[in-house]
């Protein structure tokens, strides 16, 4: 399977990338402790924890944060539990 390096160009790529991202999130559920994570094309937008803010917690699908980060940034109650100690906005579809 070819994975794009430049964004999603077709419905087929969107479906493939969504499936890959969901597999990565399943692996993340049992990963060692982390502060935040996101799977996606061009996911390198956040390079340090200090670049996250409350708006990100409210708007980025697929963003997973630790409870500590969620509390520090006054995260919204709309974020769902991802796994024990973590919250997220579920990924519906790769964009």
PDB file of N, CA and C in Angstrom:
ATOM      1  N   UNK A   1       0.845  -1.178   0.000  1.00  0.00           N
ATOM      2  CA  UNK A   1       0.000   0.000   0.000  1.00  0.00           C
ATOM      3  C   UNK A   1       0.886   1.235   0.000  1.00  0.00           C
ATOM      4  N   UNK A   2       0.606   2.142  -0.883  1.00  0.00           N
ATOM      5  CA  UNK A   2       1.301   3.417  -0.902  1.00  0.00           C
ATOM      6  C   UNK A   2       0.599   4.372   0.047  1.00  0.00           C
ATOM      7  N   UNK A   3       1.391   5.078   0.829  1.00  0.00           N
ATOM      8  CA  UNK A   3       0.837   6.083   1.738  1.00  0.00           C
ATOM      9  C   UNK A   3       1.331   7.434   1.272  1.00  0.00           C
ATOM     10  N   UNK A   4       0.425   8.365   1.172  1.00  0.00           N
ATOM     11  CA  UNK A   4       0.748   9.692   0.650  1.00  0.00           C
ATOM     12  C   UNK A   4       1.696  10.450   1.574  1.00  0.00           C
ATOM     13  N   UNK A   5       2.476  11.320   0.992  1.00  0.00           N
ATOM     14  CA  UNK A   5       3.340  12.208   1.757  1.00  0.00           C
ATOM     15  C   UNK A   5       2.903  13.654   1.577  1.00  0.00           C
ATOM     16  N   UNK A   6       1.846  13.848   0.806  1.00  0.00           N
ATOM     17  CA  UNK A   6       1.476  15.225   0.476  1.00  0.00           C
ATOM     18  C   UNK A   6      -0.006  15.510   0.652  1.00  0.00           C
ATOM     19  N   UNK A   7      -0.653  14.800   1.532  1.00  0.00           N
ATOM     20  CA  UNK A   7      -2.067  15.049   1.746  1.00  0.00           C
ATOM     21  C   UNK A   7      -2.933  14.036   1.025  1.00  0.00           C
ATOM     22  N   UNK A   8      -4.207  14.130   1.249  1.00  0.00           N
ATOM     23  CA  UNK A   8      -5.156  13.172   0.706  1.00  0.00           C
ATOM     24  C   UNK A   8      -5.646  13.670  -0.641  1.00  0.00           C
ATOM     25  N   UNK A   9      -5.447  12.839  -1.673  1.00  0.00           N
ATOM     26  CA  UNK A   9      -5.810  13.250  -3.013  1.00  0.00           C
ATOM     27  C   UNK A   9      -7.050  12.572  -3.563  1.00  0.00           C
ATOM     28  N   UNK A  10      -7.547  11.534  -2.860  1.00  0.00           N
ATOM     29  CA  UNK A  10      -8.716  10.824  -3.362  1.00  0.00           C
ATOM     30  C   UNK A  10      -9.475  10.188  -2.196  1.00  0.00           C
ATOM     31  N   UNK A  11     -10.677   9.764  -2.486  1.00  0.00           N
ATOM     32  CA  UNK A  11     -11.491   9.085  -1.470  1.00  0.00           C
ATOM     33  C   UNK A  11     -10.806   7.788  -1.034  1.00  0.00           C
ATOM     34  N   UNK A  12     -10.205   7.081  -1.960  1.00  0.00           N
ATOM     35  CA  UNK A  12      -9.501   5.835  -1.623  1.00  0.00           C
ATOM     36  C   UNK A  12      -8.355   6.100  -0.640  1.00  0.00           C
ATOM     37  N   UNK A  13      -7.595   7.153  -0.885  1.00  0.00           N
ATOM     38  CA  UNK A  13      -6.514   7.514   0.040  1.00  0.00           C
ATOM     39  C   UNK A  13      -7.072   7.889   1.403  1.00  0.00           C
ATOM     40  N   UNK A  14      -8.180   8.621   1.428  1.00  0.00           N
ATOM     41  CA  UNK A  14      -8.784   9.002   2.707  1.00  0.00           C
ATOM     42  C   UNK A  14      -9.170   7.763   3.500  1.00  0.00           C
ATOM     43  N   UNK A  15      -9.796   6.804   2.847  1.00  0.00           N
ATOM     44  CA  UNK A  15     -10.207   5.568   3.516  1.00  0.00           C
ATOM     45  C   UNK A  15      -8.982   4.804   4.035  1.00  0.00           C
ATOM     46  N   UNK A  16      -7.945   4.690   3.199  1.00  0.00           N
ATOM     47  CA  UNK A  16      -6.728   3.982   3.600  1.00  0.00           C
ATOM     48  C   UNK A  16      -6.050   4.674   4.780  1.00  0.00           C
ATOM     49  N   UNK A  17      -5.930   5.989   4.716  1.00  0.00           N
ATOM     50  CA  UNK A  17      -5.263   6.722   5.792  1.00  0.00           C
ATOM     51  C   UNK A  17      -6.066   6.695   7.079  1.00  0.00           C
ATOM     52  N   UNK A  18      -7.377   6.714   6.983  1.00  0.00           N
ATOM     53  CA  UNK A  18      -8.206   6.591   8.183  1.00  0.00           C
ATOM     54  C   UNK A  18      -7.976   5.233   8.827  1.00  0.00           C
ATOM     55  N   UNK A  19      -7.949   4.173   8.031  1.00  0.00           N
ATOM     56  CA  UNK A  19      -7.722   2.826   8.564  1.00  0.00           C
ATOM     57  C   UNK A  19      -6.349   2.722   9.225  1.00  0.00           C
ATOM     58  N   UNK A  20      -5.328   3.293   8.606  1.00  0.00           N
ATOM     59  CA  UNK A  20      -3.984   3.277   9.184  1.00  0.00           C
ATOM     60  C   UNK A  20      -3.959   4.042  10.502  1.00  0.00           C
ATOM     61  N   UNK A  21      -4.568   5.222  10.521  1.00  0.00           N
ATOM     62  CA  UNK A  21      -4.594   6.031  11.741  1.00  0.00           C
ATOM     63  C   UNK A  21      -5.300   5.290  12.868  1.00  0.00           C
ATOM     64  N   UNK A  22      -6.417   4.647  12.570  1.00  0.00           N
ATOM     65  CA  UNK A  22      -7.143   3.921  13.619  1.00  0.00           C
ATOM     66  C   UNK A  22      -6.312   2.763  14.158  1.00  0.00           C
ATOM     67  N   UNK A  23      -5.536   2.105  13.309  1.00  0.00           N
ATOM     68  CA  UNK A  23      -4.627   1.056  13.791  1.00  0.00           C
ATOM     69  C   UNK A  23      -3.551   1.642  14.707  1.00  0.00           C
ATOM     70  N   UNK A  24      -3.021   2.803  14.331  1.00  0.00           N
ATOM     71  CA  UNK A  24      -2.028   3.459  15.190  1.00  0.00           C
ATOM     72  C   UNK A  24      -2.624   3.835  16.542  1.00  0.00           C
ATOM     73  N   UNK A  25      -3.866   4.319  16.539  1.00  0.00           N
ATOM     74  CA  UNK A  25      -4.508   4.664  17.807  1.00  0.00           C
ATOM     75  C   UNK A  25      -4.713   3.420  18.671  1.00  0.00           C
ATOM     76  N   UNK A  26      -5.037   2.288  18.067  1.00  0.00           N
ATOM     77  CA  UNK A  26      -5.181   1.045  18.851  1.00  0.00           C
ATOM     78  C   UNK A  26      -3.863   0.676  19.514  1.00  0.00           C
ATOM     79  N   UNK A  27      -2.763   0.829  18.807  1.00  0.00           N
ATOM     80  CA  UNK A  27      -1.442   0.565  19.389  1.00  0.00           C
ATOM     81  C   UNK A  27      -1.144   1.549  20.511  1.00  0.00           C
ATOM     82  N   UNK A  28      -1.549   2.784  20.329  1.00  0.00           N
ATOM     83  CA  UNK A  28      -1.292   3.833  21.317  1.00  0.00           C
ATOM     84  C   UNK A  28      -1.982   3.541  22.647  1.00  0.00           C
ATOM     85  N   UNK A  29      -3.099   2.858  22.608  1.00  0.00           N
ATOM     86  CA  UNK A  29      -3.834   2.545  23.848  1.00  0.00           C
ATOM     87  C   UNK A  29      -2.987   1.740  24.836  1.00  0.00           C
ATOM     88  N   UNK A  30      -2.016   1.008  24.358  1.00  0.00           N
ATOM     89  CA  UNK A  30      -1.171   0.211  25.254  1.00  0.00           C
ATOM     90  C   UNK A  30       0.285   0.691  25.254  1.00  0.00           C
ATOM     91  N   UNK A  31       0.515   1.887  24.750  1.00  0.00           N
ATOM     92  CA  UNK A  31       1.870   2.449  24.687  1.00  0.00           C
ATOM     93  C   UNK A  31       2.323   2.924  26.067  1.00  0.00           C
ATOM     94  N   UNK A  32       3.637   3.048  26.241  1.00  0.00           N
ATOM     95  CA  UNK A  32       4.141   3.657  27.479  1.00  0.00           C
ATOM     96  C   UNK A  32       3.583   5.072  27.639  1.00  0.00           C
ATOM     97  N   UNK A  33       3.681   5.609  28.825  1.00  0.00           N
ATOM     98  CA  UNK A  33       3.122   6.932  29.140  1.00  0.00           C
ATOM     99  C   UNK A  33       3.603   7.998  28.150  1.00  0.00           C
ATOM    100  N   UNK A  34       2.697   8.918  27.811  1.00  0.00           N
ATOM    101  CA  UNK A  34       3.005  10.030  26.916  1.00  0.00           C
ATOM    102  C   UNK A  34       2.135  11.214  27.317  1.00  0.00           C
ATOM    103  N   UNK A  35       2.459  12.404  26.818  1.00  0.00           N
ATOM    104  CA  UNK A  35       1.670  13.596  27.132  1.00  0.00           C
ATOM    105  C   UNK A  35       0.620  13.886  26.083  1.00  0.00           C
ATOM    106  N   UNK A  36       0.958  13.741  24.815  1.00  0.00           N
ATOM    107  CA  UNK A  36      -0.012  13.966  23.745  1.00  0.00           C
ATOM    108  C   UNK A  36       0.418  13.204  22.506  1.00  0.00           C
ATOM    109  N   UNK A  37      -0.553  12.945  21.636  1.00  0.00           N
ATOM    110  CA  UNK A  37      -0.269  12.230  20.388  1.00  0.00           C
ATOM    111  C   UNK A  37      -1.351  12.551  19.373  1.00  0.00           C
ATOM    112  N   UNK A  38      -0.967  12.465  18.116  1.00  0.00           N
ATOM    113  CA  UNK A  38      -1.923  12.592  17.025  1.00  0.00           C
ATOM    114  C   UNK A  38      -1.355  11.839  15.826  1.00  0.00           C
ATOM    115  N   UNK A  39      -2.206  11.152  15.119  1.00  0.00           N
ATOM    116  CA  UNK A  39      -1.807  10.455  13.893  1.00  0.00           C
ATOM    117  C   UNK A  39      -2.433  11.184  12.716  1.00  0.00           C
ATOM    118  N   UNK A  40      -1.668  11.387  11.663  1.00  0.00           N
ATOM    119  CA  UNK A  40      -2.236  12.029  10.498  1.00  0.00           C
ATOM    120  C   UNK A  40      -1.183  12.534   9.544  1.00  0.00           C
ATOM    121  N   UNK A  41      -1.641  12.991   8.404  1.00  0.00           N
ATOM    122  CA  UNK A  41      -0.768  13.610   7.437  1.00  0.00           C
ATOM    123  C   UNK A  41      -0.382  14.976   7.981  1.00  0.00           C
ATOM    124  N   UNK A  42       0.883  15.291   7.938  1.00  0.00           N
ATOM    125  CA  UNK A  42       1.393  16.564   8.448  1.00  0.00           C
ATOM    126  C   UNK A  42       1.105  16.740   9.934  1.00  0.00           C
ATOM    127  N   UNK A  43       1.213  15.644  10.699  1.00  0.00           N
ATOM    128  CA  UNK A  43       0.954  15.693  12.140  1.00  0.00           C
ATOM    129  C   UNK A  43       2.081  16.355  12.916  1.00  0.00           C
ATOM    130  N   UNK A  44       3.150  16.711  12.248  1.00  0.00           N
ATOM    131  CA  UNK A  44       4.272  17.337  12.941  1.00  0.00           C
ATOM    132  C   UNK A  44       4.005  18.790  13.320  1.00  0.00           C
ATOM    133  N   UNK A  45       2.781  19.265  13.159  1.00  0.00           N
ATOM    134  CA  UNK A  45       2.446  20.655  13.478  1.00  0.00           C
ATOM    135  C   UNK A  45       2.795  21.008  14.923  1.00  0.00           C
ATOM    136  N   UNK A  46       2.731  20.033  15.829  1.00  0.00           N
ATOM    137  CA  UNK A  46       3.094  20.277  17.224  1.00  0.00           C
ATOM    138  C   UNK A  46       4.455  19.677  17.483  1.00  0.00           C
ATOM    139  N   UNK A  47       5.388  20.507  17.822  1.00  0.00           N
ATOM    140  CA  UNK A  47       6.723  19.996  18.088  1.00  0.00           C
ATOM    141  C   UNK A  47       7.010  19.891  19.573  1.00  0.00           C
ATOM    142  N   UNK A  48       6.349  20.708  20.375  1.00  0.00           N
ATOM    143  CA  UNK A  48       6.537  20.636  21.828  1.00  0.00           C
ATOM    144  C   UNK A  48       5.175  20.754  22.510  1.00  0.00           C
ATOM    145  N   UNK A  49       5.129  20.293  23.722  1.00  0.00           N
ATOM    146  CA  UNK A  49       3.893  20.351  24.507  1.00  0.00           C
ATOM    147  C   UNK A  49       3.443  21.795  24.716  1.00  0.00           C
ATOM    148  N   UNK A  50       4.387  22.717  24.728  1.00  0.00           N
ATOM    149  CA  UNK A  50       4.056  24.124  24.973  1.00  0.00           C
ATOM    150  C   UNK A  50       3.293  24.769  23.825  1.00  0.00           C
ATOM    151  N   UNK A  51       3.247  24.112  22.676  1.00  0.00           N
ATOM    152  CA  UNK A  51       2.514  24.647  21.532  1.00  0.00           C
ATOM    153  C   UNK A  51       1.035  24.274  21.553  1.00  0.00           C
ATOM    154  N   UNK A  52       0.639  23.379  22.455  1.00  0.00           N
ATOM    155  CA  UNK A  52      -0.774  23.026  22.582  1.00  0.00           C
ATOM    156  C   UNK A  52      -1.499  24.070  23.403  1.00  0.00           C
ATOM    157  N   UNK A  53      -2.741  24.343  23.059  1.00  0.00           N
ATOM    158  CA  UNK A  53      -3.553  25.227  23.883  1.00  0.00           C
ATOM    159  C   UNK A  53      -4.992  24.704  23.932  1.00  0.00           C
ATOM    160  N   UNK A  54      -5.829  25.384  24.680  1.00  0.00           N
ATOM    161  CA  UNK A  54      -7.205  24.923  24.879  1.00  0.00           C
ATOM    162  C   UNK A  54      -7.970  24.827  23.564  1.00  0.00           C
ATOM    163  N   UNK A  55      -7.726  25.732  22.644  1.00  0.00           N
ATOM    164  CA  UNK A  55      -8.411  25.667  21.341  1.00  0.00           C
ATOM    165  C   UNK A  55      -8.114  24.353  20.626  1.00  0.00           C
ATOM    166  N   UNK A  56      -6.860  23.884  20.730  1.00  0.00           N
ATOM    167  CA  UNK A  56      -6.509  22.610  20.106  1.00  0.00           C
ATOM    168  C   UNK A  56      -7.308  21.467  20.716  1.00  0.00           C
ATOM    169  N   UNK A  57      -7.454  21.496  22.034  1.00  0.00           N
ATOM    170  CA  UNK A  57      -8.200  20.438  22.716  1.00  0.00           C
ATOM    171  C   UNK A  57      -9.666  20.434  22.295  1.00  0.00           C
ATOM    172  N   UNK A  58     -10.167  21.574  21.903  1.00  0.00           N
ATOM    173  CA  UNK A  58     -11.573  21.686  21.506  1.00  0.00           C
ATOM    174  C   UNK A  58     -11.807  21.369  20.035  1.00  0.00           C
ATOM    175  N   UNK A  59     -10.749  21.388  19.217  1.00  0.00           N
ATOM    176  CA  UNK A  59     -11.014  21.365  17.774  1.00  0.00           C
ATOM    177  C   UNK A  59     -10.301  20.303  16.944  1.00  0.00           C
ATOM    178  N   UNK A  60      -9.290  19.650  17.476  1.00  0.00           N
ATOM    179  CA  UNK A  60      -8.502  18.752  16.627  1.00  0.00           C
ATOM    180  C   UNK A  60      -8.945  17.305  16.802  1.00  0.00           C
ATOM    181  N   UNK A  61      -9.588  16.769  15.770  1.00  0.00           N
ATOM    182  CA  UNK A  61     -10.005  15.370  15.794  1.00  0.00           C
ATOM    183  C   UNK A  61      -8.780  14.470  15.848  1.00  0.00           C
ATOM    184  N   UNK A  62      -8.838  13.470  16.710  1.00  0.00           N
ATOM    185  CA  UNK A  62      -7.746  12.527  16.839  1.00  0.00           C
ATOM    186  C   UNK A  62      -6.679  12.924  17.833  1.00  0.00           C
ATOM    187  N   UNK A  63      -6.750  14.115  18.397  1.00  0.00           N
ATOM    188  CA  UNK A  63      -5.757  14.543  19.380  1.00  0.00           C
ATOM    189  C   UNK A  63      -6.006  13.809  20.693  1.00  0.00           C
ATOM    190  N   UNK A  64      -4.967  13.135  21.188  1.00  0.00           N
ATOM    191  CA  UNK A  64      -5.019  12.412  22.459  1.00  0.00           C
ATOM    192  C   UNK A  64      -4.112  13.141  23.437  1.00  0.00           C
ATOM    193  N   UNK A  65      -4.608  13.423  24.626  1.00  0.00           N
ATOM    194  CA  UNK A  65      -3.792  14.087  25.645  1.00  0.00           C
ATOM    195  C   UNK A  65      -3.931  13.355  26.971  1.00  0.00           C
ATOM    196  N   UNK A  66      -2.878  13.446  27.771  1.00  0.00           N
ATOM    197  CA  UNK A  66      -2.941  12.861  29.106  1.00  0.00           C
ATOM    198  C   UNK A  66      -3.913  13.659  29.960  1.00  0.00           C
ATOM    199  N   UNK A  67      -4.420  13.033  30.993  1.00  0.00           N
ATOM    200  CA  UNK A  67      -5.314  13.751  31.923  1.00  0.00           C
ATOM    201  C   UNK A  67      -4.612  14.983  32.489  1.00  0.00           C
ATOM    202  N   UNK A  68      -3.300  14.874  32.744  1.00  0.00           N
ATOM    203  CA  UNK A  68      -2.548  16.014  33.276  1.00  0.00           C
ATOM    204  C   UNK A  68      -2.550  17.197  32.332  1.00  0.00           C
ATOM    205  N   UNK A  69      -2.320  16.941  31.061  1.00  0.00           N
ATOM    206  CA  UNK A  69      -2.347  18.014  30.060  1.00  0.00           C
ATOM    207  C   UNK A  69      -3.759  18.560  29.939  1.00  0.00           C
ATOM    208  N   UNK A  70      -4.746  17.665  29.906  1.00  0.00           N
ATOM    209  CA  UNK A  70      -6.148  18.073  29.801  1.00  0.00           C
ATOM    210  C   UNK A  70      -6.519  19.009  30.944  1.00  0.00           C
ATOM    211  N   UNK A  71      -6.133  18.668  32.159  1.00  0.00           N
ATOM    212  CA  UNK A  71      -6.447  19.516  33.319  1.00  0.00           C
ATOM    213  C   UNK A  71      -5.683  20.831  33.273  1.00  0.00           C
ATOM    214  N   UNK A  72      -4.400  20.780  32.923  1.00  0.00           N
ATOM    215  CA  UNK A  72      -3.576  21.987  32.875  1.00  0.00           C
ATOM    216  C   UNK A  72      -4.130  23.004  31.887  1.00  0.00           C
ATOM    217  N   UNK A  73      -4.655  22.514  30.757  1.00  0.00           N
ATOM    218  CA  UNK A  73      -5.176  23.410  29.729  1.00  0.00           C
ATOM    219  C   UNK A  73      -6.678  23.640  29.850  1.00  0.00           C
ATOM    220  N   UNK A  74      -7.261  23.223  30.977  1.00  0.00           N
ATOM    221  CA  UNK A  74      -8.708  23.364  31.182  1.00  0.00           C
ATOM    222  C   UNK A  74      -9.473  22.782  29.999  1.00  0.00           C
ATOM    223  N   UNK A  75      -9.153  21.534  29.689  1.00  0.00           N
ATOM    224  CA  UNK A  75      -9.753  20.855  28.553  1.00  0.00           C
ATOM    225  C   UNK A  75     -11.263  20.738  28.666  1.00  0.00           C
ATOM    226  N   UNK A  76     -11.934  20.692  27.528  1.00  0.00           N
ATOM    227  CA  UNK A  76     -13.394  20.621  27.518  1.00  0.00           C
ATOM    228  C   UNK A  76     -13.894  19.241  27.961  1.00  0.00           C
ATOM    229  N   UNK A  77     -15.055  19.238  28.581  1.00  0.00           N
ATOM    230  CA  UNK A  77     -15.674  17.978  29.002  1.00  0.00           C
ATOM    231  C   UNK A  77     -16.110  17.131  27.813  1.00  0.00           C
ATOM    232  N   UNK A  78     -16.121  17.721  26.632  1.00  0.00           N
ATOM    233  CA  UNK A  78     -16.539  16.973  25.445  1.00  0.00           C
ATOM    234  C   UNK A  78     -15.492  15.967  24.985  1.00  0.00           C
ATOM    235  N   UNK A  79     -14.267  16.081  25.493  1.00  0.00           N
ATOM    236  CA  UNK A  79     -13.253  15.088  25.136  1.00  0.00           C
ATOM    237  C   UNK A  79     -13.600  13.775  25.826  1.00  0.00           C
ATOM    238  N   UNK A  80     -13.539  12.692  25.071  1.00  0.00           N
ATOM    239  CA  UNK A  80     -13.909  11.375  25.580  1.00  0.00           C
ATOM    240  C   UNK A  80     -12.697  10.652  26.145  1.00  0.00           C
ATOM    241  N   UNK A  81     -12.965   9.646  26.981  1.00  0.00           N
ATOM    242  CA  UNK A  81     -11.859   8.837  27.480  1.00  0.00           C
ATOM    243  C   UNK A  81     -11.307   7.999  26.333  1.00  0.00           C
ATOM    244  N   UNK A  82      -9.990   8.042  26.168  1.00  0.00           N
ATOM    245  CA  UNK A  82      -9.293   7.275  25.135  1.00  0.00           C
ATOM    246  C   UNK A  82      -8.839   5.937  25.717  1.00  0.00           C
ATOM    247  N   UNK A  83      -8.214   6.029  26.869  1.00  0.00           N
ATOM    248  CA  UNK A  83      -7.773   4.878  27.654  1.00  0.00           C
ATOM    249  C   UNK A  83      -7.552   5.427  29.059  1.00  0.00           C
ATOM    250  N   UNK A  84      -7.339   4.579  30.047  1.00  0.00           N
ATOM    251  CA  UNK A  84      -7.152   5.114  31.405  1.00  0.00           C
ATOM    252  C   UNK A  84      -6.047   6.173  31.437  1.00  0.00           C
ATOM    253  N   UNK A  85      -6.408   7.357  31.916  1.00  0.00           N
ATOM    254  CA  UNK A  85      -5.454   8.455  32.026  1.00  0.00           C
ATOM    255  C   UNK A  85      -5.335   9.346  30.809  1.00  0.00           C
ATOM    256  N   UNK A  86      -6.158   9.107  29.776  1.00  0.00           N
ATOM    257  CA  UNK A  86      -6.062   9.879  28.538  1.00  0.00           C
ATOM    258  C   UNK A  86      -7.445  10.246  28.009  1.00  0.00           C
ATOM    259  N   UNK A  87      -7.513  11.404  27.348  1.00  0.00           N
ATOM    260  CA  UNK A  87      -8.747  11.864  26.704  1.00  0.00           C
ATOM    261  C   UNK A  87      -8.453  12.200  25.256  1.00  0.00           C
ATOM    262  N   UNK A  88      -9.533  12.219  24.439  1.00  0.00           N
ATOM    263  CA  UNK A  88      -9.348  12.554  23.027  1.00  0.00           C
ATOM    264  C   UNK A  88     -10.636  12.987  22.375  1.00  0.00           C
ATOM    265  N   UNK A  89     -10.461  13.598  21.195  1.00  0.00           N
ATOM    266  CA  UNK A  89     -11.559  13.821  20.255  1.00  0.00           C
ATOM    267  C   UNK A  89     -11.430  12.684  19.260  1.00  0.00           C
ATOM    268  N   UNK A  90     -12.370  11.744  19.242  1.00  0.00           N
ATOM    269  CA  UNK A  90     -12.226  10.593  18.350  1.00  0.00           C
ATOM    270  C   UNK A  90     -12.018  10.994  16.884  1.00  0.00           C
ATOM    271  N   UNK A  91     -11.160  10.241  16.244  1.00  0.00           N
ATOM    272  CA  UNK A  91     -10.929  10.445  14.821  1.00  0.00           C
ATOM    273  C   UNK A  91     -12.083   9.794  14.055  1.00  0.00           C
ATOM    274  N   UNK A  92     -12.759  10.560  13.249  1.00  0.00           N
ATOM    275  CA  UNK A  92     -13.850  10.047  12.443  1.00  0.00           C
ATOM    276  C   UNK A  92     -13.326   9.693  11.056  1.00  0.00           C
ATOM    277  N   UNK A  93     -12.517  10.566  10.504  1.00  0.00           N
ATOM    278  CA  UNK A  93     -12.001  10.356   9.156  1.00  0.00           C
ATOM    279  C   UNK A  93     -10.734  11.193   8.977  1.00  0.00           C
ATOM    280  N   UNK A  94      -9.760  10.614   8.298  1.00  0.00           N
ATOM    281  CA  UNK A  94      -8.554  11.381   7.969  1.00  0.00           C
ATOM    282  C   UNK A  94      -8.951  12.535   7.042  1.00  0.00           C
ATOM    283  N   UNK A  95      -8.245  13.650   7.171  1.00  0.00           N
ATOM    284  CA  UNK A  95      -8.512  14.810   6.317  1.00  0.00           C
ATOM    285  C   UNK A  95      -7.284  15.201   5.561  1.00  0.00           C
TER     286      UNK A  95
END
